[in-house]
N, C-alpha and C. Protein backbone atom coordinates (compact mmCIF):
# COMPACT_ATOMS: atom_id res chain seq x y z
N UNK A 1 0.85 -1.19 0.00
CA UNK A 1 0.00 0.00 0.00
C UNK A 1 0.88 1.24 0.00
N UNK A 2 0.55 2.23 -0.80
CA UNK A 2 1.34 3.43 -0.89
C UNK A 2 1.02 4.43 0.19
N UNK A 3 1.57 5.63 0.05
CA UNK A 3 1.39 6.69 1.03
C UNK A 3 0.32 7.66 0.56
N UNK A 4 -0.06 8.56 1.46
CA UNK A 4 -1.07 9.55 1.15
C UNK A 4 -0.44 10.94 1.19
N UNK A 5 -0.78 11.78 0.24
CA UNK A 5 -0.29 13.16 0.21
C UNK A 5 -1.30 14.00 -0.52
N UNK A 6 -1.25 15.31 -0.31
CA UNK A 6 -2.08 16.22 -1.09
C UNK A 6 -1.32 16.58 -2.35
N UNK A 7 -2.00 17.11 -3.40
CA UNK A 7 -1.31 17.47 -4.64
C UNK A 7 -0.14 18.43 -4.41
N UNK A 8 -0.27 19.34 -3.43
CA UNK A 8 0.79 20.31 -3.18
C UNK A 8 2.01 19.67 -2.53
N UNK A 9 1.82 18.49 -1.91
CA UNK A 9 2.90 17.84 -1.18
C UNK A 9 3.62 16.78 -2.00
N UNK A 10 3.17 16.57 -3.24
CA UNK A 10 3.80 15.52 -4.04
C UNK A 10 5.19 15.94 -4.48
N UNK A 11 6.23 15.01 -4.49
CA UNK A 11 6.13 13.66 -3.96
C UNK A 11 6.28 13.64 -2.45
N UNK A 12 5.74 12.66 -1.74
CA UNK A 12 5.77 12.66 -0.28
C UNK A 12 7.19 12.67 0.28
N UNK A 13 7.93 11.58 0.14
CA UNK A 13 9.32 11.56 0.60
C UNK A 13 10.21 10.74 -0.32
N UNK A 14 9.63 10.19 -1.37
CA UNK A 14 10.43 9.48 -2.35
C UNK A 14 10.89 8.09 -1.93
N UNK A 15 10.47 7.60 -0.74
CA UNK A 15 10.95 6.32 -0.25
C UNK A 15 9.91 5.21 -0.36
N UNK A 16 8.66 5.57 -0.57
CA UNK A 16 7.59 4.57 -0.57
C UNK A 16 6.75 4.72 -1.84
N UNK A 17 6.12 3.63 -2.28
CA UNK A 17 5.18 3.73 -3.41
C UNK A 17 4.02 4.66 -3.05
N UNK A 18 3.46 5.29 -4.08
CA UNK A 18 2.36 6.23 -3.88
C UNK A 18 1.18 5.77 -4.71
N UNK A 19 0.00 5.69 -4.10
CA UNK A 19 -1.18 5.18 -4.77
C UNK A 19 -2.14 6.29 -5.18
N UNK A 20 -2.67 6.17 -6.39
CA UNK A 20 -3.82 6.94 -6.83
C UNK A 20 -4.93 5.96 -7.15
N UNK A 21 -6.17 6.39 -6.95
CA UNK A 21 -7.32 5.53 -7.18
C UNK A 21 -8.18 6.12 -8.29
N UNK A 22 -8.48 5.30 -9.28
CA UNK A 22 -9.17 5.75 -10.49
C UNK A 22 -10.63 5.35 -10.42
N UNK A 23 -11.50 6.30 -10.73
CA UNK A 23 -12.94 6.00 -10.74
C UNK A 23 -13.63 6.99 -11.67
N UNK A 24 -14.91 6.71 -11.92
CA UNK A 24 -15.74 7.60 -12.72
C UNK A 24 -16.81 8.22 -11.85
N UNK A 25 -17.04 9.53 -12.03
CA UNK A 25 -18.12 10.22 -11.34
C UNK A 25 -19.17 10.61 -12.36
N UNK A 26 -20.44 10.32 -12.04
CA UNK A 26 -21.53 10.58 -12.97
C UNK A 26 -22.45 11.66 -12.40
N UNK A 27 -22.80 12.63 -13.25
CA UNK A 27 -23.74 13.68 -12.84
C UNK A 27 -25.19 13.25 -13.07
N UNK A 28 -25.40 12.36 -14.02
CA UNK A 28 -26.75 11.88 -14.31
C UNK A 28 -26.65 10.49 -14.92
N UNK A 29 -27.79 9.85 -15.11
CA UNK A 29 -27.82 8.50 -15.66
C UNK A 29 -27.24 8.47 -17.07
N UNK A 30 -27.47 9.53 -17.85
CA UNK A 30 -27.03 9.55 -19.25
C UNK A 30 -25.64 10.16 -19.39
N UNK A 31 -25.05 10.62 -18.30
CA UNK A 31 -23.75 11.26 -18.36
C UNK A 31 -22.67 10.23 -18.69
N UNK A 32 -21.71 10.61 -19.55
CA UNK A 32 -20.63 9.70 -19.93
C UNK A 32 -19.65 9.45 -18.80
N UNK A 33 -19.67 10.33 -17.80
CA UNK A 33 -18.80 10.14 -16.66
C UNK A 33 -17.53 10.95 -16.73
N UNK A 34 -17.06 11.39 -15.58
CA UNK A 34 -15.82 12.16 -15.48
C UNK A 34 -14.79 11.31 -14.74
N UNK A 35 -13.68 11.00 -15.39
CA UNK A 35 -12.65 10.15 -14.82
C UNK A 35 -11.83 10.96 -13.83
N UNK A 36 -11.63 10.41 -12.64
CA UNK A 36 -10.89 11.10 -11.60
C UNK A 36 -9.79 10.22 -11.02
N UNK A 37 -8.71 10.86 -10.61
CA UNK A 37 -7.61 10.21 -9.91
C UNK A 37 -7.51 10.85 -8.53
N UNK A 38 -7.76 10.07 -7.48
CA UNK A 38 -7.74 10.59 -6.12
C UNK A 38 -6.75 9.78 -5.28
N UNK A 39 -6.45 10.31 -4.08
CA UNK A 39 -5.64 9.53 -3.15
C UNK A 39 -6.55 8.64 -2.31
N UNK A 40 -5.98 7.97 -1.32
CA UNK A 40 -6.72 6.97 -0.56
C UNK A 40 -7.83 7.56 0.30
N UNK A 41 -7.77 8.87 0.58
CA UNK A 41 -8.82 9.49 1.40
C UNK A 41 -9.75 10.36 0.56
N UNK A 42 -9.61 10.30 -0.77
CA UNK A 42 -10.54 11.00 -1.65
C UNK A 42 -10.11 12.36 -2.13
N UNK A 43 -8.89 12.82 -1.80
CA UNK A 43 -8.41 14.10 -2.32
C UNK A 43 -8.20 14.00 -3.83
N UNK A 44 -8.78 14.92 -4.57
CA UNK A 44 -8.65 14.90 -6.03
C UNK A 44 -7.26 15.38 -6.45
N UNK A 45 -6.60 14.59 -7.29
CA UNK A 45 -5.31 14.97 -7.87
C UNK A 45 -5.45 15.38 -9.33
N UNK A 46 -6.15 14.54 -10.11
CA UNK A 46 -6.29 14.79 -11.54
C UNK A 46 -7.68 14.35 -12.00
N UNK A 47 -8.13 14.95 -13.10
CA UNK A 47 -9.34 14.48 -13.78
C UNK A 47 -9.08 14.55 -15.28
N UNK A 48 -9.97 13.91 -16.04
CA UNK A 48 -9.81 13.84 -17.50
C UNK A 48 -11.01 14.47 -18.15
N UNK A 49 -10.77 15.40 -19.05
CA UNK A 49 -11.84 16.11 -19.76
C UNK A 49 -11.79 15.70 -21.22
N UNK A 50 -12.90 15.18 -21.74
CA UNK A 50 -12.95 14.73 -23.14
C UNK A 50 -13.73 15.69 -24.03
N UNK A 51 -14.23 16.78 -23.46
CA UNK A 51 -15.16 17.63 -24.21
C UNK A 51 -14.56 18.95 -24.67
N UNK A 52 -13.65 19.50 -23.91
CA UNK A 52 -13.13 20.82 -24.24
C UNK A 52 -12.34 20.79 -25.53
N UNK A 53 -12.45 21.83 -26.30
CA UNK A 53 -11.74 21.93 -27.57
C UNK A 53 -10.67 23.02 -27.48
N UNK A 54 -9.49 22.78 -28.07
CA UNK A 54 -8.44 23.79 -28.04
C UNK A 54 -8.79 24.97 -28.93
N UNK A 55 -8.26 26.10 -28.61
CA UNK A 55 -8.47 27.30 -29.39
C UNK A 55 -7.27 27.55 -30.31
N UNK A 56 -7.57 27.71 -31.62
CA UNK A 56 -6.52 28.04 -32.59
C UNK A 56 -5.38 27.02 -32.52
N UNK A 57 -5.72 25.74 -32.53
CA UNK A 57 -4.70 24.70 -32.41
C UNK A 57 -4.91 23.66 -33.49
N UNK A 58 -3.79 23.11 -33.98
CA UNK A 58 -3.88 22.04 -34.98
C UNK A 58 -4.52 20.80 -34.40
N UNK A 59 -4.52 20.70 -33.06
CA UNK A 59 -5.11 19.52 -32.41
C UNK A 59 -6.61 19.44 -32.59
N UNK A 60 -7.23 20.51 -33.11
CA UNK A 60 -8.67 20.50 -33.31
C UNK A 60 -9.11 19.40 -34.27
N UNK A 61 -8.22 18.96 -35.16
CA UNK A 61 -8.58 17.97 -36.15
C UNK A 61 -8.41 16.54 -35.64
N UNK A 62 -7.95 16.36 -34.41
CA UNK A 62 -7.69 15.04 -33.86
C UNK A 62 -8.43 14.85 -32.54
N UNK A 63 -8.86 13.59 -32.26
CA UNK A 63 -9.46 13.32 -30.95
C UNK A 63 -8.47 13.67 -29.85
N UNK A 64 -8.98 14.13 -28.72
CA UNK A 64 -8.09 14.56 -27.65
C UNK A 64 -8.71 14.37 -26.28
N UNK A 65 -7.87 14.37 -25.28
CA UNK A 65 -8.28 14.37 -23.88
C UNK A 65 -7.36 15.34 -23.15
N UNK A 66 -7.92 15.97 -22.12
CA UNK A 66 -7.14 16.90 -21.32
C UNK A 66 -6.93 16.33 -19.92
N UNK A 67 -5.69 16.41 -19.43
CA UNK A 67 -5.38 16.04 -18.06
C UNK A 67 -5.43 17.32 -17.23
N UNK A 68 -6.37 17.37 -16.28
CA UNK A 68 -6.57 18.56 -15.45
C UNK A 68 -6.08 18.30 -14.04
N UNK A 69 -5.57 19.37 -13.38
CA UNK A 69 -5.19 19.22 -11.98
C UNK A 69 -6.40 19.41 -11.08
N UNK A 70 -6.18 19.41 -9.77
CA UNK A 70 -7.29 19.49 -8.83
C UNK A 70 -8.02 20.82 -8.89
N UNK A 71 -7.37 21.85 -9.44
CA UNK A 71 -7.99 23.17 -9.57
C UNK A 71 -8.59 23.39 -10.95
N UNK A 72 -8.70 22.32 -11.75
CA UNK A 72 -9.31 22.35 -13.08
C UNK A 72 -8.44 23.07 -14.11
N UNK A 73 -7.14 23.17 -13.84
CA UNK A 73 -6.21 23.74 -14.82
C UNK A 73 -5.69 22.63 -15.73
N UNK A 74 -5.58 22.92 -17.02
CA UNK A 74 -5.07 21.93 -17.97
C UNK A 74 -3.56 21.80 -17.83
N UNK A 75 -3.09 20.57 -17.65
CA UNK A 75 -1.66 20.29 -17.54
C UNK A 75 -1.10 19.68 -18.81
N UNK A 76 -1.84 18.72 -19.37
CA UNK A 76 -1.39 18.00 -20.55
C UNK A 76 -2.55 17.85 -21.52
N UNK A 77 -2.28 18.13 -22.79
CA UNK A 77 -3.26 17.87 -23.84
C UNK A 77 -2.83 16.61 -24.59
N UNK A 78 -3.65 15.57 -24.53
CA UNK A 78 -3.38 14.33 -25.24
C UNK A 78 -4.05 14.37 -26.60
N UNK A 79 -3.28 14.16 -27.64
CA UNK A 79 -3.80 14.20 -29.00
C UNK A 79 -3.55 12.85 -29.66
N UNK A 80 -4.61 12.19 -30.11
CA UNK A 80 -4.48 10.91 -30.81
C UNK A 80 -4.33 11.18 -32.30
N UNK A 81 -3.12 10.98 -32.81
CA UNK A 81 -2.82 11.31 -34.21
C UNK A 81 -3.41 10.25 -35.14
N UNK A 82 -3.06 9.00 -34.92
CA UNK A 82 -3.64 7.87 -35.64
C UNK A 82 -3.87 6.77 -34.62
N UNK A 83 -4.49 5.68 -35.02
CA UNK A 83 -4.77 4.61 -34.07
C UNK A 83 -3.49 4.10 -33.44
N UNK A 84 -3.40 4.24 -32.11
CA UNK A 84 -2.24 3.76 -31.38
C UNK A 84 -1.10 4.74 -31.29
N UNK A 85 -1.24 5.91 -31.89
CA UNK A 85 -0.17 6.92 -31.86
C UNK A 85 -0.70 8.20 -31.21
N UNK A 86 0.00 8.67 -30.17
CA UNK A 86 -0.42 9.84 -29.40
C UNK A 86 0.73 10.81 -29.21
N UNK A 87 0.36 12.05 -28.94
CA UNK A 87 1.31 13.05 -28.46
C UNK A 87 0.74 13.68 -27.20
N UNK A 88 1.63 13.96 -26.24
CA UNK A 88 1.26 14.67 -25.04
C UNK A 88 1.91 16.03 -25.04
N UNK A 89 1.09 17.09 -25.06
CA UNK A 89 1.59 18.46 -25.12
C UNK A 89 1.46 19.10 -23.75
N UNK A 90 2.58 19.62 -23.24
CA UNK A 90 2.56 20.31 -21.97
C UNK A 90 1.83 21.64 -22.12
N UNK A 91 0.96 21.95 -21.16
CA UNK A 91 0.15 23.17 -21.23
C UNK A 91 0.42 24.00 -19.99
N UNK A 92 0.60 25.31 -20.18
CA UNK A 92 0.78 26.24 -19.07
C UNK A 92 0.05 27.54 -19.41
N UNK A 93 -0.76 28.02 -18.47
CA UNK A 93 -1.55 29.24 -18.69
C UNK A 93 -2.39 29.12 -19.95
N UNK A 94 -2.95 27.90 -20.16
CA UNK A 94 -3.84 27.60 -21.29
C UNK A 94 -3.15 27.70 -22.64
N UNK A 95 -1.82 27.67 -22.66
CA UNK A 95 -1.08 27.70 -23.91
C UNK A 95 -0.19 26.46 -23.99
N UNK A 96 -0.16 25.83 -25.17
CA UNK A 96 0.70 24.69 -25.38
C UNK A 96 2.15 25.16 -25.44
N UNK A 97 3.00 24.59 -24.57
CA UNK A 97 4.38 25.04 -24.48
C UNK A 97 5.35 24.18 -25.28
N UNK A 98 5.21 22.87 -25.14
CA UNK A 98 6.17 21.99 -25.79
C UNK A 98 5.63 20.57 -25.84
N UNK A 99 6.26 19.77 -26.69
CA UNK A 99 5.93 18.36 -26.77
C UNK A 99 6.53 17.66 -25.56
N UNK A 100 5.69 17.05 -24.76
CA UNK A 100 6.14 16.36 -23.54
C UNK A 100 6.54 14.93 -23.82
N UNK A 101 5.74 14.23 -24.66
CA UNK A 101 6.06 12.85 -25.00
C UNK A 101 5.26 12.43 -26.22
N UNK A 102 5.67 11.33 -26.82
CA UNK A 102 4.91 10.70 -27.90
C UNK A 102 4.83 9.21 -27.60
N UNK A 103 3.75 8.58 -28.06
CA UNK A 103 3.48 7.18 -27.77
C UNK A 103 3.16 6.45 -29.06
N UNK A 104 3.75 5.27 -29.24
CA UNK A 104 3.45 4.41 -30.38
C UNK A 104 3.05 3.04 -29.88
N UNK A 105 1.94 2.51 -30.36
CA UNK A 105 1.53 1.15 -30.01
C UNK A 105 2.33 0.17 -30.84
N UNK A 106 2.96 -0.80 -30.17
CA UNK A 106 3.80 -1.77 -30.86
C UNK A 106 3.19 -3.16 -30.89
N UNK A 107 2.20 -3.43 -30.03
CA UNK A 107 1.53 -4.72 -30.02
C UNK A 107 0.09 -4.53 -29.59
N UNK A 108 -0.84 -5.14 -30.32
CA UNK A 108 -2.25 -5.00 -30.00
C UNK A 108 -2.95 -6.33 -30.29
N UNK A 109 -3.16 -7.12 -29.22
CA UNK A 109 -3.92 -8.35 -29.35
C UNK A 109 -5.07 -8.28 -28.36
N UNK A 110 -5.92 -9.31 -28.37
CA UNK A 110 -7.07 -9.31 -27.48
C UNK A 110 -6.66 -9.31 -26.02
N UNK A 111 -5.52 -9.93 -25.72
CA UNK A 111 -5.10 -10.08 -24.32
C UNK A 111 -3.91 -9.22 -23.94
N UNK A 112 -3.27 -8.55 -24.90
CA UNK A 112 -2.04 -7.84 -24.56
C UNK A 112 -1.86 -6.58 -25.39
N UNK A 113 -1.42 -5.52 -24.73
CA UNK A 113 -1.08 -4.25 -25.38
C UNK A 113 0.34 -3.86 -25.00
N UNK A 114 1.08 -3.29 -25.95
CA UNK A 114 2.41 -2.79 -25.66
C UNK A 114 2.63 -1.45 -26.38
N UNK A 115 3.34 -0.54 -25.72
CA UNK A 115 3.59 0.80 -26.26
C UNK A 115 5.03 1.19 -26.00
N UNK A 116 5.59 1.98 -26.92
CA UNK A 116 6.87 2.66 -26.72
C UNK A 116 6.58 4.13 -26.44
N UNK A 117 7.27 4.70 -25.45
CA UNK A 117 7.09 6.11 -25.09
C UNK A 117 8.41 6.84 -25.27
N UNK A 118 8.36 7.95 -25.99
CA UNK A 118 9.54 8.79 -26.23
C UNK A 118 9.30 10.14 -25.56
N UNK A 119 10.20 10.52 -24.67
CA UNK A 119 10.04 11.78 -23.95
C UNK A 119 10.58 12.95 -24.76
N UNK A 120 9.95 14.10 -24.60
CA UNK A 120 10.36 15.30 -25.35
C UNK A 120 10.17 15.07 -26.83
N UNK A 121 11.11 15.59 -27.61
CA UNK A 121 11.04 15.42 -29.07
C UNK A 121 12.03 14.35 -29.53
N UNK A 122 12.26 13.35 -28.66
CA UNK A 122 13.26 12.32 -28.94
C UNK A 122 12.79 11.19 -29.82
N UNK A 123 11.61 11.32 -30.44
CA UNK A 123 11.10 10.24 -31.28
C UNK A 123 11.65 10.40 -32.70
N UNK A 124 12.79 9.79 -32.94
CA UNK A 124 13.37 9.75 -34.28
C UNK A 124 13.53 8.29 -34.67
N UNK A 125 13.59 8.04 -35.96
CA UNK A 125 13.67 6.67 -36.45
C UNK A 125 14.89 5.96 -35.89
N UNK A 126 14.68 4.79 -35.32
CA UNK A 126 15.79 4.02 -34.76
C UNK A 126 16.11 4.33 -33.32
N UNK A 127 15.49 5.35 -32.74
CA UNK A 127 15.78 5.72 -31.36
C UNK A 127 15.16 4.70 -30.40
N UNK A 128 15.83 4.47 -29.28
CA UNK A 128 15.32 3.56 -28.26
C UNK A 128 14.30 4.30 -27.39
N UNK A 129 13.22 3.63 -27.08
CA UNK A 129 12.17 4.25 -26.28
C UNK A 129 12.67 4.56 -24.87
N UNK A 130 12.23 5.70 -24.32
CA UNK A 130 12.59 6.07 -22.95
C UNK A 130 11.82 5.25 -21.92
N UNK A 131 10.56 4.95 -22.25
CA UNK A 131 9.71 4.14 -21.38
C UNK A 131 8.96 3.13 -22.23
N UNK A 132 8.53 2.05 -21.60
CA UNK A 132 7.68 1.07 -22.26
C UNK A 132 6.47 0.81 -21.38
N UNK A 133 5.35 0.49 -22.01
CA UNK A 133 4.11 0.25 -21.29
C UNK A 133 3.50 -1.04 -21.83
N UNK A 134 3.18 -1.97 -20.91
CA UNK A 134 2.67 -3.27 -21.31
C UNK A 134 1.54 -3.68 -20.37
N UNK A 135 0.65 -4.53 -20.87
CA UNK A 135 -0.38 -5.06 -19.99
C UNK A 135 -1.60 -5.55 -20.72
N UNK A 136 -2.65 -5.78 -19.94
CA UNK A 136 -3.93 -6.25 -20.46
C UNK A 136 -5.03 -5.30 -19.99
N UNK A 137 -5.71 -4.67 -20.94
CA UNK A 137 -6.75 -3.72 -20.57
C UNK A 137 -7.90 -4.42 -19.86
N UNK A 138 -8.25 -5.62 -20.30
CA UNK A 138 -9.36 -6.35 -19.69
C UNK A 138 -9.10 -6.64 -18.21
N UNK A 139 -7.86 -6.96 -17.89
CA UNK A 139 -7.49 -7.26 -16.50
C UNK A 139 -7.16 -6.00 -15.70
N UNK A 140 -7.30 -4.84 -16.32
CA UNK A 140 -6.92 -3.56 -15.69
C UNK A 140 -5.45 -3.59 -15.28
N UNK A 141 -4.64 -4.27 -16.06
CA UNK A 141 -3.23 -4.45 -15.75
C UNK A 141 -2.38 -3.67 -16.74
N UNK A 142 -1.71 -2.63 -16.24
CA UNK A 142 -0.84 -1.80 -17.07
C UNK A 142 0.43 -1.52 -16.28
N UNK A 143 1.58 -1.85 -16.84
CA UNK A 143 2.86 -1.62 -16.17
C UNK A 143 3.72 -0.73 -17.06
N UNK A 144 4.29 0.31 -16.46
CA UNK A 144 5.18 1.24 -17.16
C UNK A 144 6.60 0.98 -16.70
N UNK A 145 7.51 0.77 -17.66
CA UNK A 145 8.89 0.43 -17.35
C UNK A 145 9.84 1.53 -17.83
N UNK A 146 10.90 1.72 -17.06
CA UNK A 146 12.06 2.50 -17.50
C UNK A 146 13.25 1.56 -17.43
N UNK A 147 13.68 1.07 -18.56
CA UNK A 147 14.68 0.01 -18.57
C UNK A 147 14.07 -1.24 -17.95
N UNK A 148 14.76 -1.80 -16.94
CA UNK A 148 14.26 -2.98 -16.25
C UNK A 148 13.49 -2.63 -14.97
N UNK A 149 13.35 -1.34 -14.69
CA UNK A 149 12.68 -0.90 -13.46
C UNK A 149 11.23 -0.56 -13.74
N UNK A 150 10.36 -0.88 -12.80
CA UNK A 150 8.94 -0.54 -12.92
C UNK A 150 8.71 0.86 -12.39
N UNK A 151 8.16 1.72 -13.22
CA UNK A 151 7.83 3.09 -12.85
C UNK A 151 6.49 3.15 -12.14
N UNK A 152 5.50 2.47 -12.72
CA UNK A 152 4.14 2.49 -12.17
C UNK A 152 3.38 1.28 -12.69
N UNK A 153 2.32 0.89 -11.98
CA UNK A 153 1.48 -0.19 -12.45
C UNK A 153 0.08 -0.05 -11.88
N UNK A 154 -0.88 -0.56 -12.62
CA UNK A 154 -2.27 -0.53 -12.19
C UNK A 154 -2.67 -1.91 -11.67
N UNK A 155 -3.70 -1.93 -10.83
CA UNK A 155 -4.19 -3.20 -10.30
C UNK A 155 -5.62 -3.04 -9.85
N UNK A 156 -6.38 -4.12 -9.96
CA UNK A 156 -7.73 -4.13 -9.43
C UNK A 156 -7.69 -4.13 -7.90
N UNK A 157 -8.74 -3.65 -7.28
CA UNK A 157 -8.81 -3.61 -5.83
C UNK A 157 -9.69 -4.75 -5.33
N UNK A 158 -9.18 -5.47 -4.36
CA UNK A 158 -9.93 -6.58 -3.78
C UNK A 158 -10.04 -6.38 -2.27
N UNK A 159 -11.10 -6.90 -1.69
CA UNK A 159 -11.26 -6.87 -0.25
C UNK A 159 -11.26 -8.29 0.28
N UNK A 160 -10.68 -8.48 1.45
CA UNK A 160 -10.59 -9.79 2.06
C UNK A 160 -11.54 -9.88 3.24
N UNK A 161 -11.85 -11.08 3.65
CA UNK A 161 -12.71 -11.25 4.81
C UNK A 161 -14.03 -11.90 4.45
N UNK A 162 -14.80 -12.20 5.47
CA UNK A 162 -16.07 -12.89 5.28
C UNK A 162 -17.07 -12.05 4.49
N UNK A 163 -17.15 -10.76 4.82
CA UNK A 163 -18.07 -9.86 4.14
C UNK A 163 -17.33 -9.06 3.08
N UNK A 164 -17.25 -9.61 1.91
CA UNK A 164 -16.56 -8.93 0.82
C UNK A 164 -17.44 -7.83 0.25
N UNK A 165 -16.84 -6.70 -0.05
CA UNK A 165 -17.56 -5.58 -0.64
C UNK A 165 -17.38 -5.61 -2.15
N UNK A 166 -18.44 -5.30 -2.86
CA UNK A 166 -18.38 -5.26 -4.32
C UNK A 166 -17.66 -3.99 -4.77
N UNK A 167 -16.57 -4.15 -5.54
CA UNK A 167 -15.82 -3.02 -6.08
C UNK A 167 -15.91 -3.09 -7.60
N UNK A 168 -16.56 -2.12 -8.25
CA UNK A 168 -16.72 -2.16 -9.71
C UNK A 168 -15.37 -2.25 -10.41
N UNK A 169 -15.37 -2.90 -11.58
CA UNK A 169 -14.12 -3.06 -12.32
C UNK A 169 -13.66 -1.76 -12.97
N UNK A 170 -14.49 -0.72 -12.95
CA UNK A 170 -14.02 0.57 -13.47
C UNK A 170 -13.40 1.41 -12.36
N UNK A 171 -13.13 0.79 -11.22
CA UNK A 171 -12.36 1.42 -10.15
C UNK A 171 -11.12 0.58 -9.89
N UNK A 172 -9.95 1.19 -9.97
CA UNK A 172 -8.73 0.44 -9.71
C UNK A 172 -7.63 1.38 -9.23
N UNK A 173 -6.50 0.80 -8.88
CA UNK A 173 -5.39 1.52 -8.26
C UNK A 173 -4.26 1.73 -9.25
N UNK A 174 -3.60 2.90 -9.16
CA UNK A 174 -2.36 3.15 -9.88
C UNK A 174 -1.28 3.38 -8.83
N UNK A 175 -0.25 2.56 -8.84
CA UNK A 175 0.86 2.69 -7.88
C UNK A 175 2.08 3.24 -8.59
N UNK A 176 2.59 4.37 -8.09
CA UNK A 176 3.80 4.98 -8.64
C UNK A 176 4.95 4.68 -7.68
N UNK A 177 6.04 4.11 -8.19
CA UNK A 177 7.12 3.65 -7.35
C UNK A 177 8.18 4.74 -7.14
N UNK A 178 8.97 4.62 -6.07
CA UNK A 178 10.00 5.63 -5.76
C UNK A 178 10.96 5.85 -6.92
N UNK A 179 11.41 7.09 -7.03
CA UNK A 179 12.39 7.43 -8.07
C UNK A 179 11.79 8.03 -9.32
N UNK A 180 10.46 8.17 -9.36
CA UNK A 180 9.81 8.75 -10.54
C UNK A 180 8.74 9.71 -10.07
N UNK A 181 9.00 11.01 -10.21
CA UNK A 181 8.12 12.03 -9.65
C UNK A 181 7.18 12.65 -10.67
N UNK A 182 7.22 12.20 -11.94
CA UNK A 182 6.37 12.80 -12.97
C UNK A 182 4.97 12.18 -12.89
N UNK A 183 4.24 12.59 -11.88
CA UNK A 183 2.93 11.99 -11.62
C UNK A 183 1.96 12.24 -12.77
N UNK A 184 1.93 13.46 -13.30
CA UNK A 184 0.99 13.77 -14.38
C UNK A 184 1.31 12.96 -15.63
N UNK A 185 2.58 12.66 -15.87
CA UNK A 185 2.96 11.83 -17.02
C UNK A 185 2.41 10.42 -16.85
N UNK A 186 2.53 9.85 -15.67
CA UNK A 186 1.99 8.52 -15.41
C UNK A 186 0.48 8.50 -15.65
N UNK A 187 -0.22 9.51 -15.14
CA UNK A 187 -1.67 9.60 -15.33
C UNK A 187 -2.01 9.65 -16.82
N UNK A 188 -1.29 10.48 -17.56
CA UNK A 188 -1.55 10.61 -19.00
C UNK A 188 -1.33 9.29 -19.72
N UNK A 189 -0.28 8.55 -19.37
CA UNK A 189 0.00 7.29 -20.03
C UNK A 189 -1.06 6.23 -19.69
N UNK A 190 -1.55 6.24 -18.46
CA UNK A 190 -2.62 5.32 -18.10
C UNK A 190 -3.88 5.62 -18.92
N UNK A 191 -4.17 6.89 -19.12
CA UNK A 191 -5.33 7.27 -19.93
C UNK A 191 -5.15 6.79 -21.37
N UNK A 192 -3.96 6.93 -21.93
CA UNK A 192 -3.68 6.44 -23.27
C UNK A 192 -3.88 4.93 -23.34
N UNK A 193 -3.35 4.21 -22.36
CA UNK A 193 -3.42 2.75 -22.37
C UNK A 193 -4.86 2.26 -22.43
N UNK A 194 -5.76 2.90 -21.69
CA UNK A 194 -7.14 2.43 -21.61
C UNK A 194 -8.09 3.16 -22.58
N UNK A 195 -7.54 3.93 -23.48
CA UNK A 195 -8.39 4.65 -24.43
C UNK A 195 -9.22 3.67 -25.26
N UNK A 196 -10.48 4.04 -25.50
CA UNK A 196 -11.43 3.26 -26.29
C UNK A 196 -11.88 1.98 -25.61
N UNK A 197 -11.55 1.84 -24.33
CA UNK A 197 -12.06 0.70 -23.58
C UNK A 197 -13.34 1.16 -22.92
N UNK A 198 -14.50 0.81 -23.48
CA UNK A 198 -15.78 1.36 -23.05
C UNK A 198 -16.11 1.04 -21.60
N UNK A 199 -15.50 -0.05 -21.08
CA UNK A 199 -15.78 -0.40 -19.70
C UNK A 199 -15.13 0.57 -18.73
N UNK A 200 -14.22 1.43 -19.24
CA UNK A 200 -13.61 2.41 -18.33
C UNK A 200 -13.57 3.78 -18.98
N UNK A 201 -12.70 3.98 -19.98
CA UNK A 201 -12.54 5.28 -20.60
C UNK A 201 -13.44 5.45 -21.82
């Protein structure tokens, strides 16, 4: 189990894994739902906006998602260029500042997904990926690697004991391990991994 911190206190102390909990909040029965990332006591860290459109941006021609902080400020604009290919644009003061990362899907089967992630503008032909992401969307299993080290991973939540509580499969945990403080990047990559999975995103 990870530690608890407020968004202003991240990272806590860098020595222990840190957990975020993913769920959907619905305003009405017909609402598509708002995806949220909270800590163990319900403090909001990030949310995902699928409706807002950029102003005067080339991204208008591509599907997109926005990663928002707890104060509803846009941090990252995710742009899906083609199927399995994404760019993450860093946003500050509602203006796109720079390319934060790019993602390419390298494997897509019914049971397994794999992606290469290139940080900054380092995506050139033949370049080695900075991060890799692998897992099974159906099992809510996504692991992000840097070399041989695990940066973050998702997992379903289970309860033990005689009286088990029902936990919907669209609620699960994201654990970020020590040594990697780019929390918003992890959140953005998790959103990319589960894109078009109707049971969640």
